[in-house]
Amino acid sequence: MKTDNVSKNDIAFGVQLHLMATGLPGYATTLGIAQDRVDVALADDKYFDYCLKYQSVLLQDGRQATAWRDLMRGGDPLPKAATSAGINGAPIPSRTKWPPLFQDGCGSK
């Protein structure tokens, strides 16, 4: 049976990418890899790390918005933190630049 050594889990893949990118410069000459390719691997590592961190922020924001929405549905007032963050009952997409079809689907137009 054929196995895949590249992890399907984003975090585990990020670890693999980081280990490869940071270990590559030490072996590049031996393996005959040009410096520009090493630079690309390091840039990919930094970008993927940024994406994972951004994904985490979006996940947390989504959970917080859902909790505040549930409060409003239950008739409770929003906490002060929500109103100072600019949450006024509008869906999150109205505060960010999303494609129009996505905004229509969320009812934020």
N, C-alpha and C. Protein backbone atom coordinates (compact mmCIF):
# COMPACT_ATOMS: atom_id res chain seq x y z
N MET A 1 0.85 -1.18 0.00
CA MET A 1 0.00 0.00 0.00
C MET A 1 0.90 1.24 0.00
N LYS A 2 0.52 2.22 -0.82
CA LYS A 2 1.28 3.45 -0.94
C LYS A 2 0.88 4.40 0.20
N THR A 3 1.86 5.01 0.83
CA THR A 3 1.56 5.97 1.90
C THR A 3 2.05 7.36 1.50
N ASP A 4 1.44 8.36 2.09
CA ASP A 4 1.81 9.74 1.82
C ASP A 4 2.52 10.29 3.04
N ASN A 5 3.75 10.76 2.85
CA ASN A 5 4.52 11.29 3.98
C ASN A 5 4.17 12.73 4.32
N VAL A 6 3.37 13.38 3.48
CA VAL A 6 2.96 14.75 3.73
C VAL A 6 1.65 14.73 4.51
N SER A 7 1.66 15.38 5.66
CA SER A 7 0.48 15.37 6.52
C SER A 7 -0.69 16.12 5.88
N LYS A 8 -1.88 15.62 6.11
CA LYS A 8 -3.11 16.26 5.62
C LYS A 8 -3.60 17.32 6.62
N ASN A 9 -3.15 17.24 7.86
CA ASN A 9 -3.51 18.20 8.89
C ASN A 9 -2.71 19.48 8.68
N ASP A 10 -3.38 20.63 8.65
CA ASP A 10 -2.70 21.90 8.36
C ASP A 10 -1.58 22.21 9.33
N ILE A 11 -1.82 22.00 10.61
CA ILE A 11 -0.80 22.32 11.61
C ILE A 11 0.40 21.38 11.47
N ALA A 12 0.14 20.09 11.33
CA ALA A 12 1.23 19.12 11.15
C ALA A 12 1.99 19.40 9.85
N PHE A 13 1.26 19.77 8.79
CA PHE A 13 1.92 20.11 7.53
C PHE A 13 2.80 21.34 7.71
N GLY A 14 2.30 22.32 8.48
CA GLY A 14 3.09 23.52 8.76
C GLY A 14 4.39 23.19 9.47
N VAL A 15 4.33 22.24 10.39
CA VAL A 15 5.54 21.80 11.10
C VAL A 15 6.50 21.14 10.11
N GLN A 16 5.97 20.27 9.24
CA GLN A 16 6.82 19.63 8.24
C GLN A 16 7.46 20.67 7.31
N LEU A 17 6.66 21.62 6.87
CA LEU A 17 7.16 22.66 5.98
C LEU A 17 8.25 23.47 6.66
N HIS A 18 8.04 23.82 7.92
CA HIS A 18 9.03 24.60 8.67
C HIS A 18 10.33 23.83 8.84
N LEU A 19 10.23 22.55 9.19
CA LEU A 19 11.44 21.75 9.36
C LEU A 19 12.21 21.62 8.05
N MET A 20 11.48 21.45 6.96
CA MET A 20 12.13 21.35 5.66
C MET A 20 12.78 22.67 5.27
N ALA A 21 12.04 23.77 5.42
CA ALA A 21 12.54 25.07 4.99
C ALA A 21 13.73 25.53 5.82
N THR A 22 13.70 25.28 7.12
CA THR A 22 14.82 25.73 7.95
C THR A 22 16.02 24.79 7.86
N GLY A 23 15.77 23.53 7.51
CA GLY A 23 16.89 22.58 7.36
C GLY A 23 17.52 22.61 5.99
N LEU A 24 16.78 23.10 5.00
CA LEU A 24 17.24 23.09 3.62
C LEU A 24 18.52 23.89 3.37
N PRO A 25 18.69 25.08 3.95
CA PRO A 25 19.91 25.84 3.65
C PRO A 25 21.21 25.08 3.96
N GLY A 26 21.20 24.27 4.97
CA GLY A 26 22.39 23.51 5.33
C GLY A 26 22.74 22.41 4.33
N TYR A 27 21.75 21.95 3.57
CA TYR A 27 21.95 20.86 2.61
C TYR A 27 21.87 21.32 1.16
N ALA A 28 21.54 22.58 0.93
CA ALA A 28 21.30 23.06 -0.44
C ALA A 28 22.49 22.84 -1.36
N THR A 29 23.68 23.17 -0.90
CA THR A 29 24.87 23.00 -1.74
C THR A 29 25.10 21.54 -2.06
N THR A 30 24.99 20.69 -1.05
CA THR A 30 25.19 19.25 -1.25
C THR A 30 24.18 18.68 -2.23
N LEU A 31 22.94 19.13 -2.13
CA LEU A 31 21.87 18.62 -2.99
C LEU A 31 21.81 19.33 -4.34
N GLY A 32 22.60 20.38 -4.51
CA GLY A 32 22.61 21.12 -5.77
C GLY A 32 21.39 22.00 -5.96
N ILE A 33 20.86 22.52 -4.86
CA ILE A 33 19.68 23.39 -4.93
C ILE A 33 20.15 24.84 -4.92
N ALA A 34 19.69 25.62 -5.90
CA ALA A 34 20.09 27.02 -6.02
C ALA A 34 19.53 27.84 -4.85
N GLN A 35 20.22 28.92 -4.52
CA GLN A 35 19.84 29.77 -3.39
C GLN A 35 18.45 30.38 -3.59
N ASP A 36 18.09 30.71 -4.82
CA ASP A 36 16.76 31.30 -5.03
C ASP A 36 15.65 30.30 -4.69
N ARG A 37 15.88 29.03 -4.92
CA ARG A 37 14.89 28.00 -4.55
C ARG A 37 14.80 27.86 -3.03
N VAL A 38 15.94 28.00 -2.35
CA VAL A 38 15.94 27.96 -0.88
C VAL A 38 15.15 29.15 -0.35
N ASP A 39 15.36 30.32 -0.96
CA ASP A 39 14.62 31.52 -0.54
C ASP A 39 13.12 31.34 -0.73
N VAL A 40 12.73 30.70 -1.82
CA VAL A 40 11.31 30.44 -2.08
C VAL A 40 10.74 29.51 -1.00
N ALA A 41 11.49 28.49 -0.63
CA ALA A 41 11.02 27.56 0.42
C ALA A 41 10.86 28.29 1.75
N LEU A 42 11.79 29.18 2.08
CA LEU A 42 11.69 29.94 3.33
C LEU A 42 10.50 30.90 3.28
N ALA A 43 10.27 31.52 2.11
CA ALA A 43 9.11 32.41 1.97
C ALA A 43 7.80 31.62 2.09
N ASP A 44 7.76 30.43 1.50
CA ASP A 44 6.56 29.58 1.63
C ASP A 44 6.28 29.24 3.08
N ASP A 45 7.34 28.94 3.82
CA ASP A 45 7.20 28.62 5.24
C ASP A 45 6.61 29.80 6.00
N LYS A 46 7.14 30.99 5.75
CA LYS A 46 6.63 32.18 6.44
C LYS A 46 5.17 32.46 6.07
N TYR A 47 4.84 32.31 4.79
CA TYR A 47 3.48 32.58 4.35
C TYR A 47 2.50 31.56 4.93
N PHE A 48 2.87 30.29 4.94
CA PHE A 48 1.97 29.28 5.49
C PHE A 48 1.77 29.50 6.98
N ASP A 49 2.83 29.90 7.68
CA ASP A 49 2.71 30.21 9.11
C ASP A 49 1.74 31.38 9.31
N TYR A 50 1.86 32.41 8.47
CA TYR A 50 0.94 33.54 8.53
C TYR A 50 -0.51 33.08 8.32
N CYS A 51 -0.72 32.21 7.32
CA CYS A 51 -2.06 31.71 7.02
C CYS A 51 -2.65 30.96 8.20
N LEU A 52 -1.83 30.13 8.85
CA LEU A 52 -2.32 29.38 10.02
C LEU A 52 -2.70 30.32 11.15
N LYS A 53 -1.88 31.34 11.39
CA LYS A 53 -2.18 32.30 12.45
C LYS A 53 -3.46 33.09 12.12
N TYR A 54 -3.61 33.48 10.86
CA TYR A 54 -4.80 34.21 10.44
C TYR A 54 -6.05 33.34 10.55
N GLN A 55 -5.90 32.08 10.18
CA GLN A 55 -7.01 31.14 10.30
C GLN A 55 -7.46 31.02 11.76
N SER A 56 -6.49 30.99 12.66
CA SER A 56 -6.80 30.90 14.08
C SER A 56 -7.57 32.14 14.56
N VAL A 57 -7.15 33.31 14.09
CA VAL A 57 -7.83 34.56 14.46
C VAL A 57 -9.26 34.56 13.93
N LEU A 58 -9.44 34.14 12.68
CA LEU A 58 -10.78 34.09 12.10
C LEU A 58 -11.67 33.10 12.84
N LEU A 59 -11.11 31.98 13.23
CA LEU A 59 -11.87 30.97 13.96
C LEU A 59 -12.35 31.54 15.30
N GLN A 60 -11.45 32.21 16.01
CA GLN A 60 -11.79 32.80 17.30
C GLN A 60 -12.83 33.91 17.13
N ASP A 61 -12.65 34.75 16.11
CA ASP A 61 -13.63 35.82 15.86
C ASP A 61 -15.00 35.23 15.54
N GLY A 62 -15.02 34.16 14.76
CA GLY A 62 -16.28 33.52 14.43
C GLY A 62 -16.98 32.96 15.66
N ARG A 63 -16.21 32.34 16.53
CA ARG A 63 -16.79 31.80 17.77
C ARG A 63 -17.35 32.92 18.64
N GLN A 64 -16.59 34.04 18.71
CA GLN A 64 -17.05 35.16 19.54
C GLN A 64 -18.32 35.78 18.95
N ALA A 65 -18.35 35.96 17.63
CA ALA A 65 -19.53 36.52 16.98
C ALA A 65 -20.75 35.61 17.19
N THR A 66 -20.53 34.31 17.12
CA THR A 66 -21.62 33.36 17.34
C THR A 66 -22.15 33.47 18.77
N ALA A 67 -21.24 33.60 19.73
CA ALA A 67 -21.66 33.73 21.13
C ALA A 67 -22.46 35.01 21.33
N TRP A 68 -22.02 36.12 20.71
CA TRP A 68 -22.75 37.37 20.83
C TRP A 68 -24.10 37.29 20.13
N ARG A 69 -24.15 36.62 18.97
CA ARG A 69 -25.42 36.44 18.27
C ARG A 69 -26.40 35.65 19.13
N ASP A 70 -25.90 34.60 19.78
CA ASP A 70 -26.76 33.80 20.65
C ASP A 70 -27.30 34.63 21.82
N LEU A 71 -26.47 35.53 22.34
CA LEU A 71 -26.94 36.43 23.40
C LEU A 71 -28.08 37.30 22.90
N MET A 72 -27.91 37.87 21.72
CA MET A 72 -28.94 38.76 21.16
C MET A 72 -30.22 37.98 20.87
N ARG A 73 -30.10 36.77 20.37
CA ARG A 73 -31.29 35.96 20.08
C ARG A 73 -32.06 35.64 21.35
N GLY A 74 -31.31 35.51 22.45
CA GLY A 74 -31.95 35.21 23.71
C GLY A 74 -32.53 36.45 24.38
N GLY A 75 -32.33 37.62 23.74
CA GLY A 75 -32.87 38.86 24.29
C GLY A 75 -31.94 39.56 25.26
N ASP A 76 -30.75 39.01 25.45
CA ASP A 76 -29.78 39.65 26.35
C ASP A 76 -29.06 40.78 25.63
N PRO A 77 -28.66 41.82 26.37
CA PRO A 77 -27.89 42.89 25.72
C PRO A 77 -26.47 42.40 25.43
N LEU A 78 -25.86 43.01 24.43
CA LEU A 78 -24.48 42.67 24.12
C LEU A 78 -23.57 43.20 25.22
N PRO A 79 -22.49 42.48 25.54
CA PRO A 79 -21.55 43.00 26.52
C PRO A 79 -20.84 44.25 26.00
N LYS A 80 -20.29 45.04 26.90
CA LYS A 80 -19.61 46.28 26.52
C LYS A 80 -18.49 46.02 25.52
N ALA A 81 -17.79 44.90 25.68
CA ALA A 81 -16.69 44.57 24.76
C ALA A 81 -17.20 44.44 23.33
N ALA A 82 -18.40 43.94 23.16
CA ALA A 82 -18.95 43.77 21.81
C ALA A 82 -19.26 45.11 21.18
N THR A 83 -19.87 46.00 21.93
CA THR A 83 -20.23 47.30 21.36
C THR A 83 -18.99 48.16 21.13
N SER A 84 -17.98 48.04 21.98
CA SER A 84 -16.76 48.83 21.75
C SER A 84 -15.95 48.26 20.58
N ALA A 85 -16.17 47.00 20.24
CA ALA A 85 -15.49 46.40 19.09
C ALA A 85 -16.23 46.70 17.80
N GLY A 86 -17.34 47.41 17.87
CA GLY A 86 -18.09 47.78 16.68
C GLY A 86 -19.15 46.77 16.30
N ILE A 87 -19.45 45.82 17.19
CA ILE A 87 -20.49 44.84 16.90
C ILE A 87 -21.82 45.47 17.28
N ASN A 88 -22.72 45.55 16.35
CA ASN A 88 -24.02 46.17 16.63
C ASN A 88 -25.16 45.28 16.16
N GLY A 89 -24.87 44.01 16.07
CA GLY A 89 -25.89 43.09 15.59
C GLY A 89 -25.76 42.78 14.12
N ALA A 90 -24.88 43.50 13.41
CA ALA A 90 -24.67 43.24 11.98
C ALA A 90 -23.75 42.03 11.83
N PRO A 91 -23.98 41.23 10.79
CA PRO A 91 -23.09 40.09 10.58
C PRO A 91 -21.66 40.54 10.32
N ILE A 92 -20.71 39.73 10.67
CA ILE A 92 -19.29 40.04 10.49
C ILE A 92 -18.95 40.43 9.04
N PRO A 93 -19.50 39.77 8.00
CA PRO A 93 -19.10 40.16 6.64
C PRO A 93 -19.33 41.63 6.31
N SER A 94 -20.22 42.29 7.00
CA SER A 94 -20.45 43.70 6.70
C SER A 94 -19.28 44.56 7.18
N ARG A 95 -18.45 44.03 8.03
CA ARG A 95 -17.31 44.79 8.53
C ARG A 95 -16.03 44.48 7.78
N THR A 96 -16.07 43.55 6.87
CA THR A 96 -14.89 43.17 6.11
C THR A 96 -15.24 43.18 4.63
N LYS A 97 -14.24 43.08 3.79
CA LYS A 97 -14.47 43.08 2.35
C LYS A 97 -14.63 41.64 1.88
N TRP A 98 -15.84 41.25 1.63
CA TRP A 98 -16.16 39.92 1.13
C TRP A 98 -16.80 40.06 -0.23
N PRO A 99 -16.75 39.03 -1.05
CA PRO A 99 -17.42 39.09 -2.35
C PRO A 99 -18.93 39.35 -2.18
N PRO A 100 -19.54 40.10 -3.09
CA PRO A 100 -20.97 40.44 -2.97
C PRO A 100 -21.88 39.22 -2.81
N LEU A 101 -21.61 38.13 -3.53
CA LEU A 101 -22.48 36.96 -3.41
C LEU A 101 -22.43 36.39 -2.00
N PHE A 102 -21.25 36.44 -1.38
CA PHE A 102 -21.13 35.95 0.00
C PHE A 102 -21.92 36.85 0.93
N GLN A 103 -21.84 38.16 0.72
CA GLN A 103 -22.60 39.08 1.57
C GLN A 103 -24.09 38.88 1.41
N ASP A 104 -24.54 38.66 0.16
CA ASP A 104 -25.96 38.40 -0.07
C ASP A 104 -26.42 37.17 0.68
N GLY A 105 -25.59 36.12 0.65
CA GLY A 105 -25.93 34.87 1.31
C GLY A 105 -26.02 35.01 2.81
N CYS A 106 -25.25 35.95 3.36
CA CYS A 106 -25.27 36.16 4.82
C CYS A 106 -26.31 37.20 5.22
N GLY A 107 -26.92 37.84 4.24
CA GLY A 107 -27.93 38.85 4.56
C GLY A 107 -27.35 40.14 5.08
N SER A 108 -26.11 40.47 4.67
CA SER A 108 -25.47 41.65 5.23
C SER A 108 -25.57 42.88 4.33
N LYS A 109 -26.28 42.76 3.21
CA LYS A 109 -26.40 43.94 2.33
C LYS A 109 -27.67 44.69 2.65
